[in-house]
Amino acid sequence: MFYLVKDKKLKIRISSGVYKNYFQLKEVLIKKIEYKGMLELNFSDNFNCFLGNKINKLP
């Protein structure tokens, strides 16, 4: 699963279980969008992210 984030807020979540062309999407998006790396979120941070709050751990 990967997430698209803008202005430290979650915009879209893309899961391999939902999108048949997940790997193609991921490949194209990584080439087109600046990749900021992996980020581990705990349950609280993850829940706040889905509520539309800012992700403070992002640079």
N, C-alpha and C. Protein backbone atom coordinates (compact mmCIF):
# COMPACT_ATOMS: atom_id res chain seq x y z
N MET A 1 0.84 -1.16 0.00
CA MET A 1 0.00 0.00 0.00
C MET A 1 0.89 1.23 0.00
N PHE A 2 0.48 2.24 -0.76
CA PHE A 2 1.20 3.49 -0.68
C PHE A 2 0.23 4.65 -0.65
N TYR A 3 0.73 5.78 -0.19
CA TYR A 3 -0.11 6.94 0.06
C TYR A 3 0.42 8.13 -0.72
N LEU A 4 -0.49 8.96 -1.20
CA LEU A 4 -0.12 10.22 -1.81
C LEU A 4 -0.45 11.32 -0.82
N VAL A 5 0.55 12.14 -0.50
CA VAL A 5 0.41 13.16 0.52
C VAL A 5 0.73 14.51 -0.09
N LYS A 6 -0.08 15.52 0.23
CA LYS A 6 0.16 16.88 -0.23
C LYS A 6 0.00 17.81 0.95
N ASP A 7 0.93 18.71 1.13
CA ASP A 7 0.91 19.65 2.26
C ASP A 7 0.74 18.94 3.59
N LYS A 8 1.44 17.81 3.74
CA LYS A 8 1.44 16.99 4.95
C LYS A 8 0.07 16.41 5.27
N LYS A 9 -0.83 16.31 4.28
CA LYS A 9 -2.14 15.70 4.49
C LYS A 9 -2.35 14.59 3.47
N LEU A 10 -2.97 13.51 3.91
CA LEU A 10 -3.24 12.37 3.04
C LEU A 10 -4.26 12.77 1.97
N LYS A 11 -3.92 12.51 0.71
CA LYS A 11 -4.84 12.80 -0.39
C LYS A 11 -5.47 11.54 -0.94
N ILE A 12 -4.68 10.46 -1.05
CA ILE A 12 -5.22 9.20 -1.57
C ILE A 12 -4.39 8.04 -1.05
N ARG A 13 -5.06 6.93 -0.81
CA ARG A 13 -4.41 5.69 -0.37
C ARG A 13 -4.63 4.67 -1.48
N ILE A 14 -3.55 4.05 -1.95
CA ILE A 14 -3.64 3.09 -3.04
C ILE A 14 -3.19 1.73 -2.53
N SER A 15 -4.08 0.76 -2.68
CA SER A 15 -3.85 -0.58 -2.16
C SER A 15 -3.85 -1.59 -3.30
N SER A 16 -3.00 -2.60 -3.18
CA SER A 16 -2.95 -3.64 -4.21
C SER A 16 -4.23 -4.47 -4.22
N GLY A 17 -4.96 -4.49 -3.12
CA GLY A 17 -6.20 -5.23 -3.05
C GLY A 17 -7.35 -4.58 -3.79
N VAL A 18 -7.23 -3.27 -4.05
CA VAL A 18 -8.30 -2.52 -4.70
C VAL A 18 -8.02 -2.30 -6.18
N TYR A 19 -6.77 -2.03 -6.50
CA TYR A 19 -6.41 -1.69 -7.88
C TYR A 19 -5.73 -2.87 -8.56
N LYS A 20 -6.30 -3.35 -9.67
CA LYS A 20 -5.71 -4.46 -10.40
C LYS A 20 -4.36 -4.10 -10.99
N ASN A 21 -4.18 -2.84 -11.37
CA ASN A 21 -2.93 -2.39 -11.98
C ASN A 21 -2.05 -1.65 -10.96
N TYR A 22 -2.09 -2.07 -9.71
CA TYR A 22 -1.36 -1.44 -8.61
C TYR A 22 0.11 -1.24 -8.93
N PHE A 23 0.77 -2.28 -9.42
CA PHE A 23 2.21 -2.19 -9.66
C PHE A 23 2.53 -1.23 -10.81
N GLN A 24 1.67 -1.16 -11.82
CA GLN A 24 1.86 -0.20 -12.90
C GLN A 24 1.66 1.22 -12.37
N LEU A 25 0.62 1.43 -11.57
CA LEU A 25 0.38 2.74 -10.98
C LEU A 25 1.57 3.19 -10.14
N LYS A 26 2.04 2.28 -9.30
CA LYS A 26 3.16 2.60 -8.42
C LYS A 26 4.40 2.98 -9.22
N GLU A 27 4.70 2.22 -10.24
CA GLU A 27 5.87 2.48 -11.07
C GLU A 27 5.80 3.86 -11.74
N VAL A 28 4.65 4.18 -12.30
CA VAL A 28 4.48 5.47 -12.99
C VAL A 28 4.51 6.63 -12.00
N LEU A 29 3.82 6.47 -10.88
CA LEU A 29 3.78 7.55 -9.90
C LEU A 29 5.14 7.84 -9.29
N ILE A 30 5.92 6.81 -9.03
CA ILE A 30 7.25 7.03 -8.47
C ILE A 30 8.14 7.80 -9.45
N LYS A 31 7.94 7.58 -10.74
CA LYS A 31 8.72 8.31 -11.74
C LYS A 31 8.26 9.75 -11.87
N LYS A 32 6.97 10.01 -11.67
CA LYS A 32 6.39 11.34 -11.90
C LYS A 32 6.36 12.24 -10.67
N ILE A 33 6.37 11.63 -9.48
CA ILE A 33 6.23 12.39 -8.25
C ILE A 33 7.49 12.23 -7.42
N GLU A 34 7.90 13.31 -6.77
CA GLU A 34 9.09 13.26 -5.93
C GLU A 34 8.87 12.29 -4.77
N TYR A 35 9.74 11.31 -4.67
CA TYR A 35 9.64 10.28 -3.64
C TYR A 35 10.35 10.75 -2.39
N LYS A 36 9.64 10.77 -1.27
CA LYS A 36 10.20 11.25 -0.01
C LYS A 36 10.65 10.15 0.92
N GLY A 37 10.46 8.89 0.51
CA GLY A 37 10.91 7.77 1.33
C GLY A 37 9.79 7.16 2.16
N MET A 38 10.20 6.19 2.96
CA MET A 38 9.26 5.45 3.80
C MET A 38 9.04 6.19 5.11
N LEU A 39 7.86 6.01 5.66
CA LEU A 39 7.54 6.61 6.95
C LEU A 39 6.69 5.62 7.73
N GLU A 40 7.11 5.27 8.92
CA GLU A 40 6.35 4.37 9.78
C GLU A 40 5.46 5.21 10.69
N LEU A 41 4.17 4.92 10.68
CA LEU A 41 3.23 5.62 11.54
C LEU A 41 2.65 4.65 12.55
N ASN A 42 2.53 5.11 13.80
CA ASN A 42 1.87 4.27 14.80
C ASN A 42 0.35 4.40 14.61
N PHE A 43 -0.42 3.65 15.37
CA PHE A 43 -1.87 3.64 15.19
C PHE A 43 -2.47 5.03 15.33
N SER A 44 -2.05 5.77 16.33
CA SER A 44 -2.58 7.11 16.58
C SER A 44 -2.30 8.05 15.41
N ASP A 45 -1.06 8.05 14.92
CA ASP A 45 -0.69 8.90 13.78
C ASP A 45 -1.47 8.49 12.53
N ASN A 46 -1.61 7.19 12.32
CA ASN A 46 -2.34 6.68 11.17
C ASN A 46 -3.80 7.10 11.22
N PHE A 47 -4.42 6.99 12.39
CA PHE A 47 -5.81 7.38 12.56
C PHE A 47 -6.00 8.88 12.31
N ASN A 48 -5.09 9.70 12.85
CA ASN A 48 -5.16 11.14 12.64
C ASN A 48 -5.02 11.50 11.16
N CYS A 49 -4.19 10.75 10.48
CA CYS A 49 -3.98 10.95 9.05
C CYS A 49 -5.30 10.75 8.30
N PHE A 50 -6.03 9.70 8.62
CA PHE A 50 -7.30 9.43 7.95
C PHE A 50 -8.40 10.41 8.34
N LEU A 51 -8.24 11.08 9.47
CA LEU A 51 -9.19 12.11 9.87
C LEU A 51 -8.94 13.43 9.14
N GLY A 52 -7.82 13.49 8.41
CA GLY A 52 -7.50 14.70 7.66
C GLY A 52 -6.53 15.63 8.36
N ASN A 53 -5.98 15.19 9.49
CA ASN A 53 -5.01 16.00 10.21
C ASN A 53 -3.65 15.92 9.53
N LYS A 54 -2.80 16.87 9.82
CA LYS A 54 -1.46 16.89 9.24
C LYS A 54 -0.60 15.77 9.81
N ILE A 55 0.32 15.28 8.99
CA ILE A 55 1.28 14.26 9.40
C ILE A 55 2.53 14.99 9.84
N ASN A 56 2.71 15.15 11.14
CA ASN A 56 3.80 15.97 11.67
C ASN A 56 5.17 15.32 11.50
N LYS A 57 5.23 14.02 11.26
CA LYS A 57 6.52 13.35 11.13
C LYS A 57 7.17 13.61 9.76
N LEU A 58 6.43 14.17 8.82
CA LEU A 58 6.99 14.42 7.49
C LEU A 58 7.96 15.59 7.53
N PRO A 59 9.01 15.54 6.71
CA PRO A 59 9.98 16.64 6.69
C PRO A 59 9.38 17.89 6.08
